[in-house]
Amino acid sequence: MSDKPKISIITVVFNGEALIARTIESVISQSYTNIEYIIIDGASSDNTLKIIERYKSKIALLHSGKDEGIYDAMNKGLRDASGDYVLFMNAGDELYCADTIKEVFGIAPEGDVYYGNTAVVDQYGKTLGDRRLAPPDQMTWKDLKYGMCVSHQSFIARRLLCDFYDLDYKVSADIDWVIKVLKQSDKVVNTHLYISRFLEGGTSNKRRKKALIERFFIMVKHYGFFQTIISHILILFRYPFHRFTKRSMT
C-alpha cells in the first residue's frame, strides 16, 4: 500500500438541503489529497441535488435513486468505493478540521482501523460536548458490549475488511457492522484525535424503542444472552441517560 493510502469518504443523504453543504465542504477542504468522495442520494425531492451540483468537480461519484433505507444506501456506497479505507460522513456531519485525514494517517501506517473522539454539535454547528460513550484506550470488538463506544463518523476501516450492512436491522445495523469489522482487524489504532463533528438529532420514541430492541439482539448474537443481560445492567449504573457530555471546547 502507498504511504498515502486512498480513502473513500461516503455521504448518504435524503432531502438534506439544510445540511449537505456543510458536510461536503468539510470533506473537500481536507489538506489530504488522496480522497475519493462518494455521495449517495435517496432521490431527494428538495434542493439537495442542486446544492450537490455546485460541488460536482470535487465529487468522484454521485448516485441518486430510491433505496430501502439508510443502510441500503450505505451498502451502495461500499460497492462503489475503491479506496484502501472507508469513512461514512453523512449529511450534517463534518470532519473535525481541515487536517483531520492527514493527521489520522500520519499517526501509524497500515492500520486496519483508525478511530478517535467525536464532538456533538447542534444544527448551527455549535459544540454541545462529547458523546456520552467515550472510545476506550485500546478498542476491540468486545468493548461494544456496552454500546456504541465509538461514533460511526470517527471510525475509519480498511475497505477489504468491510462487509455490507445487514439490512435485517433497520436502525442499528451500524453497531453490528463495527463489531464485525473489529473482529477481523489485527491493528486497531486509537488516534486520540477528534475525527468528526456529529450532528445531534432528535429520535422519536418509536424509533428509539426499535433501536434498543435491535441492539439487544445484535449483542446477543455477538456476546451471548447472559453477557448481554449483565452488560445492560452495568450500563444502567455506569452511564447517565443524556446523549452527550458537556465540555468546554475551543
Protein backbone atom coordinates (compact mmCIF):
# COMPACT_ATOMS: atom_id res chain seq x y z
CA MET A 1 0.00 0.00 0.00
CA SER A 2 1.15 3.53 -0.73
CA ASP A 3 2.41 5.72 2.12
CA LYS A 4 -0.53 7.92 1.17
CA PRO A 5 -3.46 5.47 1.14
CA LYS A 6 -6.64 6.28 -0.71
CA ILE A 7 -9.70 6.86 1.45
CA SER A 8 -13.27 6.70 0.18
CA ILE A 9 -15.47 9.09 2.14
CA ILE A 10 -19.15 8.26 1.66
CA THR A 11 -22.01 10.63 2.34
CA VAL A 12 -25.58 9.36 2.42
CA VAL A 13 -28.32 11.98 2.15
CA PHE A 14 -32.06 12.29 1.62
CA ASN A 15 -33.77 15.69 1.50
CA GLY A 16 -30.84 17.28 3.28
CA GLU A 17 -30.76 20.71 1.67
CA ALA A 18 -30.16 22.43 5.01
CA LEU A 19 -27.22 20.19 5.91
CA ILE A 20 -25.46 18.79 2.88
CA ALA A 21 -23.24 21.81 2.07
CA ARG A 22 -21.51 21.80 5.46
CA THR A 23 -20.69 18.11 5.08
CA ILE A 24 -19.39 18.46 1.53
CA GLU A 25 -17.25 21.47 2.43
CA SER A 26 -15.69 19.66 5.39
CA VAL A 27 -14.62 16.86 3.03
CA ILE A 28 -13.41 18.85 0.04
CA SER A 29 -11.44 21.26 2.26
CA GLN A 30 -9.20 18.46 3.57
CA SER A 31 -5.47 19.03 3.15
CA TYR A 32 -5.11 15.30 2.46
CA THR A 33 -5.46 14.85 -1.29
CA ASN A 34 -5.94 11.12 -1.90
CA ILE A 35 -9.68 11.18 -1.21
CA GLU A 36 -12.43 9.59 -3.26
CA TYR A 37 -15.67 11.37 -2.35
CA ILE A 38 -18.89 9.48 -2.98
CA ILE A 39 -22.40 10.81 -2.38
CA ILE A 40 -25.43 8.51 -2.31
CA ASP A 41 -28.69 10.44 -2.57
CA GLY A 42 -32.02 8.74 -1.91
CA ALA A 43 -33.89 10.53 -4.74
CA SER A 44 -34.28 13.79 -2.81
CA SER A 45 -37.26 15.94 -3.71
CA ASP A 46 -35.92 19.20 -2.22
CA ASN A 47 -32.89 21.24 -3.35
CA THR A 48 -30.29 18.71 -2.21
CA LEU A 49 -29.22 17.73 -5.72
CA LYS A 50 -28.98 21.35 -6.83
CA ILE A 51 -26.64 22.07 -3.94
CA ILE A 52 -24.54 18.99 -4.67
CA GLU A 53 -24.26 20.11 -8.29
CA ARG A 54 -22.28 23.16 -7.17
CA TYR A 55 -19.51 20.85 -5.97
CA LYS A 56 -19.60 18.27 -8.78
CA SER A 57 -15.96 18.84 -9.76
CA LYS A 58 -14.89 17.71 -6.29
CA ILE A 59 -17.11 14.61 -6.16
CA ALA A 60 -15.84 11.34 -7.61
CA LEU A 61 -19.26 9.72 -7.85
CA LEU A 62 -22.86 10.77 -7.25
CA HIS A 63 -25.63 8.20 -7.26
CA SER A 64 -29.24 9.33 -6.88
CA GLY A 65 -32.14 6.92 -6.70
CA LYS A 66 -34.63 5.31 -4.39
CA ASP A 67 -33.30 2.94 -1.78
CA GLU A 68 -34.55 0.71 1.00
CA GLY A 69 -33.29 2.91 3.82
CA ILE A 70 -30.03 4.35 5.11
CA TYR A 71 -28.14 1.05 5.31
CA ASP A 72 -29.12 0.07 1.79
CA ALA A 73 -27.76 3.46 0.68
CA MET A 74 -24.56 2.89 2.67
CA ASN A 75 -24.15 -0.50 1.00
CA LYS A 76 -24.37 1.23 -2.37
CA GLY A 77 -21.54 3.48 -1.28
CA LEU A 78 -19.45 0.50 -0.19
CA ARG A 79 -19.97 -1.18 -3.55
CA ASP A 80 -18.71 1.93 -5.33
CA ALA A 81 -15.77 2.59 -3.00
CA SER A 82 -12.34 1.89 -4.48
CA GLY A 83 -10.27 3.30 -1.63
CA ASP A 84 -7.95 1.44 0.72
CA TYR A 85 -10.10 2.79 3.58
CA VAL A 86 -13.68 3.94 4.01
CA LEU A 87 -15.32 6.54 6.22
CA PHE A 88 -19.02 7.41 6.41
CA MET A 89 -19.75 11.09 6.85
CA ASN A 90 -23.50 11.56 6.42
CA ALA A 91 -25.41 14.78 5.78
CA GLY A 92 -24.99 17.18 8.69
CA ASP A 93 -21.80 15.57 10.00
CA GLU A 94 -18.35 17.06 9.45
CA LEU A 95 -14.71 16.16 9.68
CA TYR A 96 -13.30 17.90 12.73
CA CYS A 97 -10.78 20.14 10.93
CA ALA A 98 -9.10 20.60 7.55
CA ASP A 99 -6.12 18.41 8.54
CA THR A 100 -8.11 15.55 10.08
CA ILE A 101 -7.42 12.84 7.49
CA LYS A 102 -3.79 13.89 7.10
CA GLU A 103 -3.28 13.68 10.87
CA VAL A 104 -5.03 10.31 11.15
CA PHE A 105 -2.84 8.59 8.57
CA GLY A 106 0.26 10.30 9.94
CA ILE A 107 -0.06 8.55 13.30
CA ALA A 108 0.65 4.95 12.28
CA PRO A 109 0.99 3.10 8.95
CA GLU A 110 -1.06 0.13 7.80
CA GLY A 111 -3.78 0.22 10.44
CA ASP A 112 -6.85 -1.93 9.91
CA VAL A 113 -8.97 0.57 11.82
CA TYR A 114 -8.35 4.15 12.92
CA TYR A 115 -10.70 5.62 15.49
CA GLY A 116 -10.99 8.68 17.66
CA ASN A 117 -13.20 11.11 19.51
CA THR A 118 -16.36 12.87 18.40
CA ALA A 119 -17.70 16.33 19.18
CA VAL A 120 -21.50 16.64 19.27
CA VAL A 121 -22.86 19.78 17.60
CA ASP A 122 -26.28 21.32 17.07
CA GLN A 123 -27.87 22.34 13.77
CA TYR A 124 -25.95 25.63 13.84
CA GLY A 125 -22.58 23.93 14.30
CA LYS A 126 -22.25 24.92 17.96
CA THR A 127 -20.39 22.34 20.03
CA LEU A 128 -22.55 20.77 22.72
CA GLY A 129 -19.92 18.44 24.18
CA ASP A 130 -18.58 14.91 23.74
CA ARG A 131 -20.50 11.72 23.06
CA ARG A 132 -21.79 10.03 26.20
CA LEU A 133 -19.83 6.85 25.45
CA ALA A 134 -16.16 7.69 25.04
CA PRO A 135 -13.95 5.39 22.93
CA PRO A 136 -11.74 3.08 25.02
CA ASP A 137 -7.99 3.49 25.01
CA GLN A 138 -7.43 0.28 23.04
CA MET A 139 -10.65 -0.81 21.41
CA THR A 140 -11.59 -4.37 20.50
CA TRP A 141 -14.89 -5.82 19.34
CA LYS A 142 -15.62 -6.86 22.93
CA ASP A 143 -15.84 -3.23 24.07
CA LEU A 144 -19.08 -2.71 22.15
CA LYS A 145 -20.98 -5.00 24.52
CA TYR A 146 -21.69 -1.82 26.49
CA GLY A 147 -22.97 0.06 23.45
CA MET A 148 -21.66 2.09 20.52
CA CYS A 149 -18.49 3.32 22.23
CA VAL A 150 -17.18 4.88 19.02
CA SER A 151 -19.04 7.11 16.63
CA HIS A 152 -19.53 5.73 13.14
CA GLN A 153 -18.22 9.07 11.82
CA SER A 154 -14.97 8.63 13.77
CA PHE A 155 -14.29 5.08 12.60
CA ILE A 156 -12.08 4.60 9.53
CA ALA A 157 -11.85 1.00 8.34
CA ARG A 158 -9.79 -0.88 5.80
CA ARG A 159 -12.12 -1.48 2.84
CA LEU A 160 -11.17 -5.17 2.46
CA LEU A 161 -12.43 -5.86 5.99
CA CYS A 162 -15.83 -4.22 5.45
CA ASP A 163 -18.82 -6.48 4.97
CA PHE A 164 -22.10 -4.98 3.82
CA TYR A 165 -24.60 -3.76 6.38
CA ASP A 166 -27.19 -6.32 7.45
CA LEU A 167 -30.47 -4.97 6.11
CA ASP A 168 -32.44 -7.06 8.60
CA TYR A 169 -31.56 -4.27 11.04
CA LYS A 170 -33.35 -1.05 10.15
CA VAL A 171 -31.91 1.38 12.72
CA SER A 172 -28.95 -0.33 14.43
CA ALA A 173 -27.00 -2.07 11.66
CA ASP A 174 -24.08 0.28 12.35
CA ILE A 175 -23.12 -1.35 15.65
CA ASP A 176 -23.32 -4.82 14.08
CA TRP A 177 -21.10 -3.60 11.21
CA VAL A 178 -18.49 -2.06 13.50
CA ILE A 179 -18.31 -5.24 15.61
CA LYS A 180 -17.80 -7.37 12.50
CA VAL A 181 -15.05 -5.08 11.20
CA LEU A 182 -13.25 -5.13 14.55
CA LYS A 183 -13.45 -8.92 14.73
CA GLN A 184 -11.42 -9.07 11.53
CA SER A 185 -8.92 -6.36 12.48
CA ASP A 186 -5.43 -7.01 13.80
CA LYS A 187 -4.16 -3.44 14.08
CA VAL A 188 -6.66 -1.03 15.66
CA VAL A 189 -5.21 2.47 16.11
CA ASN A 190 -6.52 4.96 18.64
CA THR A 191 -5.62 8.29 17.07
CA HIS A 192 -6.51 10.25 20.24
CA LEU A 193 -7.82 12.87 17.82
CA TYR A 194 -11.22 14.41 17.34
CA ILE A 195 -12.12 12.99 13.94
CA SER A 196 -15.67 14.22 13.44
CA ARG A 197 -18.39 16.60 14.47
CA PHE A 198 -21.62 14.65 14.85
CA LEU A 199 -24.95 16.41 14.38
CA GLU A 200 -27.17 15.75 17.37
CA GLY A 201 -30.68 14.92 16.18
CA GLY A 202 -33.94 14.02 17.82
CA THR A 203 -35.09 10.42 17.76
CA SER A 204 -38.75 9.50 18.06
CA ASN A 205 -39.77 7.23 20.92
CA LYS A 206 -40.93 4.60 18.43
CA ARG A 207 -37.57 4.64 16.63
CA ARG A 208 -35.61 4.67 19.89
CA LYS A 209 -37.51 1.62 21.11
CA LYS A 210 -36.80 -0.21 17.85
CA ALA A 211 -33.11 0.70 18.09
CA LEU A 212 -32.87 -0.69 21.63
CA ILE A 213 -34.57 -3.92 20.63
CA GLU A 214 -32.32 -4.37 17.61
CA ARG A 215 -29.19 -3.63 19.61
CA PHE A 216 -30.18 -6.18 22.23
CA PHE A 217 -30.44 -8.94 19.64
CA ILE A 218 -27.22 -7.81 17.92
CA MET A 219 -25.39 -8.08 21.24
CA VAL A 220 -26.91 -11.48 21.96
CA LYS A 221 -25.64 -12.63 18.55
CA HIS A 222 -22.09 -11.47 19.24
CA TYR A 223 -21.74 -11.84 23.03
CA GLY A 224 -24.37 -14.33 24.16
CA PHE A 225 -27.59 -13.88 26.11
CA PHE A 226 -26.28 -13.84 29.69
CA GLN A 227 -23.36 -11.49 28.93
CA THR A 228 -25.81 -9.13 27.21
CA ILE A 229 -28.10 -9.08 30.26
CA ILE A 230 -25.13 -8.36 32.55
CA SER A 231 -23.86 -5.62 30.22
CA HIS A 232 -27.24 -3.90 30.13
CA ILE A 233 -27.45 -3.88 33.92
CA LEU A 234 -23.98 -2.33 34.15
CA ILE A 235 -24.89 0.29 31.54
CA LEU A 236 -27.78 1.49 33.70
CA PHE A 237 -25.42 2.18 36.58
CA ARG A 238 -22.37 3.31 34.64
CA TYR A 239 -23.79 5.91 32.25
CA PRO A 240 -26.24 8.78 32.59
CA PHE A 241 -29.16 8.91 30.17
CA HIS A 242 -28.16 12.06 28.29
CA ARG A 243 -26.63 11.56 24.86
CA PHE A 244 -23.55 13.74 25.28
CA THR A 245 -21.23 15.08 27.98
CA LYS A 246 -20.94 18.84 28.21
CA ARG A 247 -17.42 20.11 27.83
CA SER A 248 -15.76 23.44 27.19
CA MET A 249 -14.06 23.29 23.81
CA THR A 250 -12.22 25.72 21.54
